[in-house]
C-alpha atoms as a PDB file:
ATOM      1  CA  MET A   1      -4.537 -20.395   9.316  1.00  0.00           C
ATOM      2  CA  ASN A   2      -5.140 -20.505   5.562  1.00  0.00           C
ATOM      3  CA  LYS A   3      -3.074 -19.291   2.661  1.00  0.00           C
ATOM      4  CA  ILE A   4      -4.702 -18.519  -0.673  1.00  0.00           C
ATOM      5  CA  LEU A   5      -3.411 -17.494  -4.077  1.00  0.00           C
ATOM      6  CA  VAL A   6      -5.291 -14.963  -6.191  1.00  0.00           C
ATOM      7  CA  VAL A   7      -4.868 -14.351  -9.924  1.00  0.00           C
ATOM      8  CA  SER A   8      -6.947 -12.519 -12.509  1.00  0.00           C
ATOM      9  CA  ASP A   9      -7.157 -11.348 -16.103  1.00  0.00           C
ATOM     10  CA  ASN A  10      -4.852 -13.790 -17.875  1.00  0.00           C
ATOM     11  CA  HIS A  11      -7.002 -13.339 -21.005  1.00  0.00           C
ATOM     12  CA  GLY A  12      -6.467 -16.767 -22.479  1.00  0.00           C
ATOM     13  CA  ASP A  13      -2.840 -17.270 -21.398  1.00  0.00           C
ATOM     14  CA  GLN A  14      -3.311 -20.751 -19.958  1.00  0.00           C
ATOM     15  CA  GLN A  15       0.396 -21.479 -19.638  1.00  0.00           C
ATOM     16  CA  ILE A  16       0.884 -18.836 -16.942  1.00  0.00           C
ATOM     17  CA  LEU A  17      -1.948 -20.404 -14.912  1.00  0.00           C
ATOM     18  CA  ARG A  18      -0.331 -23.817 -15.280  1.00  0.00           C
ATOM     19  CA  ASP A  19       3.035 -22.396 -14.216  1.00  0.00           C
ATOM     20  CA  ILE A  20       1.581 -20.622 -11.175  1.00  0.00           C
ATOM     21  CA  HIS A  21      -0.331 -23.710 -10.091  1.00  0.00           C
ATOM     22  CA  ALA A  22       2.718 -25.972 -10.506  1.00  0.00           C
ATOM     23  CA  GLU A  23       4.893 -23.561  -8.524  1.00  0.00           C
ATOM     24  CA  PHE A  24       2.472 -23.054  -5.609  1.00  0.00           C
ATOM     25  CA  VAL A  25       0.636 -26.358  -5.299  1.00  0.00           C
ATOM     26  CA  GLY A  26       1.233 -27.582  -1.757  1.00  0.00           C
ATOM     27  CA  GLN A  27       2.140 -24.064  -0.592  1.00  0.00           C
ATOM     28  CA  VAL A  28      -1.380 -22.596  -0.636  1.00  0.00           C
ATOM     29  CA  ASP A  29      -4.733 -24.015   0.394  1.00  0.00           C
ATOM     30  CA  TYR A  30      -6.838 -22.498  -2.397  1.00  0.00           C
ATOM     31  CA  PHE A  31      -6.323 -20.971  -5.844  1.00  0.00           C
ATOM     32  CA  PHE A  32      -8.773 -18.177  -6.764  1.00  0.00           C
ATOM     33  CA  HIS A  33      -9.224 -16.788 -10.286  1.00  0.00           C
ATOM     34  CA  CYS A  34     -11.093 -13.470 -10.401  1.00  0.00           C
ATOM     35  CA  GLY A  35     -12.260 -13.633 -14.017  1.00  0.00           C
ATOM     36  CA  ASP A  36     -11.310 -12.971 -17.608  1.00  0.00           C
ATOM     37  CA  SER A  37      -9.591 -16.336 -17.706  1.00  0.00           C
ATOM     38  CA  GLU A  38     -11.153 -17.109 -21.104  1.00  0.00           C
ATOM     39  CA  LEU A  39     -11.058 -20.773 -20.074  1.00  0.00           C
ATOM     40  CA  SER A  40     -13.450 -23.351 -21.456  1.00  0.00           C
ATOM     41  CA  LYS A  41     -15.417 -25.463 -18.998  1.00  0.00           C
ATOM     42  CA  GLU A  42     -13.477 -28.472 -20.311  1.00  0.00           C
ATOM     43  CA  SER A  43     -10.091 -27.048 -19.307  1.00  0.00           C
ATOM     44  CA  ASP A  44      -8.368 -28.969 -16.534  1.00  0.00           C
ATOM     45  CA  LEU A  45      -7.517 -25.594 -15.001  1.00  0.00           C
ATOM     46  CA  VAL A  46     -11.178 -25.146 -14.002  1.00  0.00           C
ATOM     47  CA  ASP A  47     -10.624 -27.940 -11.485  1.00  0.00           C
ATOM     48  CA  GLN A  48      -7.523 -26.223 -10.078  1.00  0.00           C
ATOM     49  CA  PHE A  49      -8.919 -22.682  -9.538  1.00  0.00           C
ATOM     50  CA  LEU A  50     -12.091 -21.269  -7.993  1.00  0.00           C
ATOM     51  CA  VAL A  51     -13.111 -19.313 -11.089  1.00  0.00           C
ATOM     52  CA  VAL A  52     -15.667 -16.509 -11.465  1.00  0.00           C
ATOM     53  CA  LYS A  53     -16.960 -15.078 -14.713  1.00  0.00           C
ATOM     54  CA  GLY A  54     -15.448 -11.902 -16.111  1.00  0.00           C
ATOM     55  CA  ASN A  55     -16.714  -9.684 -18.887  1.00  0.00           C
ATOM     56  CA  MET A  56     -14.532 -11.558 -21.398  1.00  0.00           C
ATOM     57  CA  ASP A  57     -15.600 -15.036 -20.262  1.00  0.00           C
ATOM     58  CA  PHE A  58     -18.292 -16.820 -22.211  1.00  0.00           C
ATOM     59  CA  GLU A  59     -18.654 -20.000 -20.194  1.00  0.00           C
ATOM     60  CA  ASP A  60     -21.250 -20.328 -17.459  1.00  0.00           C
ATOM     61  CA  PHE A  61     -18.973 -19.636 -14.511  1.00  0.00           C
ATOM     62  CA  PRO A  62     -20.514 -18.062 -11.389  1.00  0.00           C
ATOM     63  CA  ILE A  63     -20.631 -14.236 -11.360  1.00  0.00           C
ATOM     64  CA  GLU A  64     -19.726 -14.210  -7.677  1.00  0.00           C
ATOM     65  CA  ARG A  65     -18.781 -16.662  -4.997  1.00  0.00           C
ATOM     66  CA  LEU A  66     -18.794 -16.759  -1.182  1.00  0.00           C
ATOM     67  CA  VAL A  67     -16.149 -18.944   0.413  1.00  0.00           C
ATOM     68  CA  PRO A  68     -16.158 -19.362   4.201  1.00  0.00           C
ATOM     69  CA  LEU A  69     -12.670 -20.083   5.562  1.00  0.00           C
ATOM     70  CA  ASP A  70     -12.387 -20.579   9.306  1.00  0.00           C
ATOM     71  CA  ASP A  71     -13.379 -17.195  10.778  1.00  0.00           C
ATOM     72  CA  VAL A  72     -13.541 -15.122   7.576  1.00  0.00           C
ATOM     73  CA  THR A  73     -15.854 -15.217   4.576  1.00  0.00           C
ATOM     74  CA  ILE A  74     -14.366 -14.391   1.187  1.00  0.00           C
ATOM     75  CA  TYR A  75     -16.459 -12.623  -1.445  1.00  0.00           C
ATOM     76  CA  GLN A  76     -15.070 -13.166  -4.943  1.00  0.00           C
ATOM     77  CA  THR A  77     -16.199 -11.488  -8.161  1.00  0.00           C
ATOM     78  CA  HIS A  78     -14.646 -10.050 -11.307  1.00  0.00           C
ATOM     79  CA  GLY A  79     -15.860  -6.542 -10.558  1.00  0.00           C
ATOM     80  CA  HIS A  80     -17.243  -5.325 -13.884  1.00  0.00           C
ATOM     81  CA  LEU A  81     -20.840  -5.608 -12.617  1.00  0.00           C
ATOM     82  CA  LYS A  82     -19.842  -3.693  -9.461  1.00  0.00           C
ATOM     83  CA  ASN A  83     -18.428  -0.696 -11.385  1.00  0.00           C
ATOM     84  CA  VAL A  84     -14.963  -1.082  -9.888  1.00  0.00           C
ATOM     85  CA  ASN A  85     -13.478   1.287 -12.475  1.00  0.00           C
ATOM     86  CA  SER A  86     -15.405   4.114 -10.776  1.00  0.00           C
ATOM     87  CA  SER A  87     -15.660   3.213  -7.111  1.00  0.00           C
ATOM     88  CA  PHE A  88     -15.240   0.373  -4.648  1.00  0.00           C
ATOM     89  CA  LEU A  89     -18.415   1.293  -2.746  1.00  0.00           C
ATOM     90  CA  ASN A  90     -20.497  -1.447  -4.410  1.00  0.00           C
ATOM     91  CA  LEU A  91     -17.896  -4.048  -3.431  1.00  0.00           C
ATOM     92  CA  VAL A  92     -17.826  -2.855   0.167  1.00  0.00           C
ATOM     93  CA  LEU A  93     -21.613  -2.752   0.446  1.00  0.00           C
ATOM     94  CA  THR A  94     -21.945  -6.230  -1.083  1.00  0.00           C
ATOM     95  CA  ALA A  95     -19.311  -7.596   1.279  1.00  0.00           C
ATOM     96  CA  GLU A  96     -21.072  -6.060   4.263  1.00  0.00           C
ATOM     97  CA  ALA A  97     -24.448  -7.450   3.149  1.00  0.00           C
ATOM     98  CA  LYS A  98     -22.978 -10.938   2.698  1.00  0.00           C
ATOM     99  CA  GLY A  99     -20.933 -10.875   5.887  1.00  0.00           C
ATOM    100  CA  ALA A 100     -17.596 -11.044   4.062  1.00  0.00           C
ATOM    101  CA  GLY A 101     -14.385  -9.668   5.531  1.00  0.00           C
ATOM    102  CA  LEU A 102     -12.237 -10.206   2.447  1.00  0.00           C
ATOM    103  CA  VAL A 103     -13.083  -9.229  -1.150  1.00  0.00           C
ATOM    104  CA  LEU A 104     -11.196 -10.595  -4.154  1.00  0.00           C
ATOM    105  CA  PHE A 105     -11.740  -8.974  -7.553  1.00  0.00           C
ATOM    106  CA  GLY A 106     -10.079  -8.152 -10.861  1.00  0.00           C
ATOM    107  CA  HIS A 107     -11.214  -6.296 -13.999  1.00  0.00           C
ATOM    108  CA  THR A 108      -9.147  -3.105 -13.600  1.00  0.00           C
ATOM    109  CA  HIS A 109      -5.847  -4.868 -14.439  1.00  0.00           C
ATOM    110  CA  GLN A 110      -4.328  -2.796 -11.586  1.00  0.00           C
ATOM    111  CA  LEU A 111      -3.192  -4.367  -8.352  1.00  0.00           C
ATOM    112  CA  MET A 112      -4.722  -2.955  -5.202  1.00  0.00           C
ATOM    113  CA  CYS A 113      -4.786  -3.866  -1.539  1.00  0.00           C
ATOM    114  CA  THR A 114      -6.701  -1.637   0.881  1.00  0.00           C
ATOM    115  CA  ALA A 115      -9.079  -1.779   3.834  1.00  0.00           C
ATOM    116  CA  SER A 116     -12.406   0.013   3.787  1.00  0.00           C
ATOM    117  CA  SER A 117     -15.255  -0.117   6.321  1.00  0.00           C
ATOM    118  CA  GLY A 118     -13.947  -3.268   7.987  1.00  0.00           C
ATOM    119  CA  VAL A 119     -13.355  -5.117   4.697  1.00  0.00           C
ATOM    120  CA  LEU A 120     -10.049  -5.942   3.024  1.00  0.00           C
ATOM    121  CA  LEU A 121     -10.235  -5.370  -0.758  1.00  0.00           C
ATOM    122  CA  VAL A 122      -7.621  -7.160  -2.871  1.00  0.00           C
ATOM    123  CA  ASN A 123      -7.074  -7.009  -6.622  1.00  0.00           C
ATOM    124  CA  PRO A 124      -4.142  -9.187  -7.740  1.00  0.00           C
ATOM    125  CA  GLY A 125      -3.720  -7.090 -10.904  1.00  0.00           C
ATOM    126  CA  SER A 126      -3.591  -8.697 -14.324  1.00  0.00           C
ATOM    127  CA  ILE A 127      -1.117 -11.532 -14.760  1.00  0.00           C
ATOM    128  CA  SER A 128      -0.989 -10.932 -18.541  1.00  0.00           C
ATOM    129  CA  GLN A 129      -2.057  -7.367 -19.317  1.00  0.00           C
ATOM    130  CA  PRO A 130      -1.123  -5.127 -16.379  1.00  0.00           C
ATOM    131  CA  ARG A 131      -2.032  -1.455 -16.256  1.00  0.00           C
ATOM    132  CA  GLY A 132      -1.370   1.456 -13.982  1.00  0.00           C
ATOM    133  CA  GLU A 133       1.374   2.299 -11.542  1.00  0.00           C
ATOM    134  CA  PHE A 134       2.813  -1.218 -11.392  1.00  0.00           C
ATOM    135  CA  GLN A 135       2.537  -2.069 -15.096  1.00  0.00           C
ATOM    136  CA  SER A 136       6.333  -2.212 -15.432  1.00  0.00           C
ATOM    137  CA  ILE A 137       6.412  -5.316 -13.213  1.00  0.00           C
ATOM    138  CA  GLY A 138       4.917  -7.154 -16.191  1.00  0.00           C
ATOM    139  CA  GLY A 139       1.976  -8.920 -14.560  1.00  0.00           C
ATOM    140  CA  THR A 140       1.160  -9.791 -10.967  1.00  0.00           C
ATOM    141  CA  PHE A 141      -0.720 -12.184  -8.726  1.00  0.00           C
ATOM    142  CA  CYS A 142      -0.790 -12.414  -4.944  1.00  0.00           C
ATOM    143  CA  THR A 143      -0.969 -14.685  -1.948  1.00  0.00           C
ATOM    144  CA  ILE A 144      -2.919 -13.889   1.193  1.00  0.00           C
ATOM    145  CA  GLU A 145      -2.121 -15.510   4.506  1.00  0.00           C
ATOM    146  CA  ILE A 146      -5.174 -15.466   6.736  1.00  0.00           C
ATOM    147  CA  THR A 147      -4.626 -15.834  10.474  1.00  0.00           C
ATOM    148  CA  PRO A 148      -6.989 -15.039  13.339  1.00  0.00           C
ATOM    149  CA  LYS A 149      -5.085 -11.787  13.919  1.00  0.00           C
ATOM    150  CA  GLU A 150      -4.030 -10.568  10.480  1.00  0.00           C
ATOM    151  CA  PHE A 151      -4.093 -10.683   6.715  1.00  0.00           C
ATOM    152  CA  VAL A 152      -0.681 -10.770   5.024  1.00  0.00           C
ATOM    153  CA  VAL A 153      -0.696  -9.960   1.316  1.00  0.00           C
ATOM    154  CA  ASP A 154       2.323 -10.538  -0.922  1.00  0.00           C
ATOM    155  CA  TYR A 155       2.534  -9.851  -4.643  1.00  0.00           C
ATOM    156  CA  TYR A 156       4.553 -11.834  -7.186  1.00  0.00           C
ATOM    157  CA  ASN A 157       5.572 -11.224 -10.791  1.00  0.00           C
ATOM    158  CA  ARG A 158       5.120 -13.553 -13.760  1.00  0.00           C
ATOM    159  CA  GLU A 159       8.427 -15.229 -12.979  1.00  0.00           C
ATOM    160  CA  MET A 160       7.017 -16.232  -9.546  1.00  0.00           C
ATOM    161  CA  HIS A 161       9.379 -13.861  -7.756  1.00  0.00           C
ATOM    162  CA  LEU A 162       8.204 -12.040  -4.680  1.00  0.00           C
ATOM    163  CA  VAL A 163       7.989  -8.255  -5.161  1.00  0.00           C
ATOM    164  CA  PRO A 164       9.358  -7.039  -1.764  1.00  0.00           C
ATOM    165  CA  ASP A 165       7.885  -3.535  -2.050  1.00  0.00           C
ATOM    166  CA  LEU A 166       4.398  -5.036  -2.412  1.00  0.00           C
ATOM    167  CA  HIS A 167       4.045  -6.627   1.034  1.00  0.00           C
ATOM    168  CA  PHE A 168       1.065  -5.598   3.166  1.00  0.00           C
ATOM    169  CA  GLN A 169      -0.020  -6.565   6.659  1.00  0.00           C
ATOM    170  CA  PHE A 170      -3.406  -5.739   8.124  1.00  0.00           C
ATOM    171  CA  ASP A 171      -4.332  -6.282  11.749  1.00  0.00           C
ATOM    172  CA  ARG A 172      -7.822  -7.749  11.480  1.00  0.00           C
ATOM    173  CA  ARG A 173      -8.910  -6.019  14.695  1.00  0.00           C
ATOM    174  CA  ASP A 174      -8.167  -2.638  13.109  1.00  0.00           C
ATOM    175  CA  LEU A 175     -10.163  -3.204   9.914  1.00  0.00           C
END
């Protein structure tokens, strides 16, 4: 079993990343940042998070990343080069081609958690500039518990409080 934390689109707000890391260190196995961090390569936060490059990042971070964890491979990207504002088809096709069962992405600033064609797609939303249906929460990130049988996704607000209505469980055999 692994538990990961996923955050995206803090747009230069380094303090929130520090706060999240301090609160969850020891509770999760990996910290993923899905782009638009606006971090410099010299920032100590780069050593704390698996960071990918967003459209507002100017450092030489990877555009995408594959992370094998036990029996699932995670595909991580920001999403702007996959046209996620229009469709998730490019994400699904890329995940299928790379053998990934879990996709982490950002860019839209809107949280999302859905299964498509055997792949779980998760957007943590923007921690600093949320948009869409859940904008009133004031910024979100999520944790994902990965077991051999299921994915459990929980969303949190900027105050590190669990948002009970944003709890999702997916039986991996049904994906």
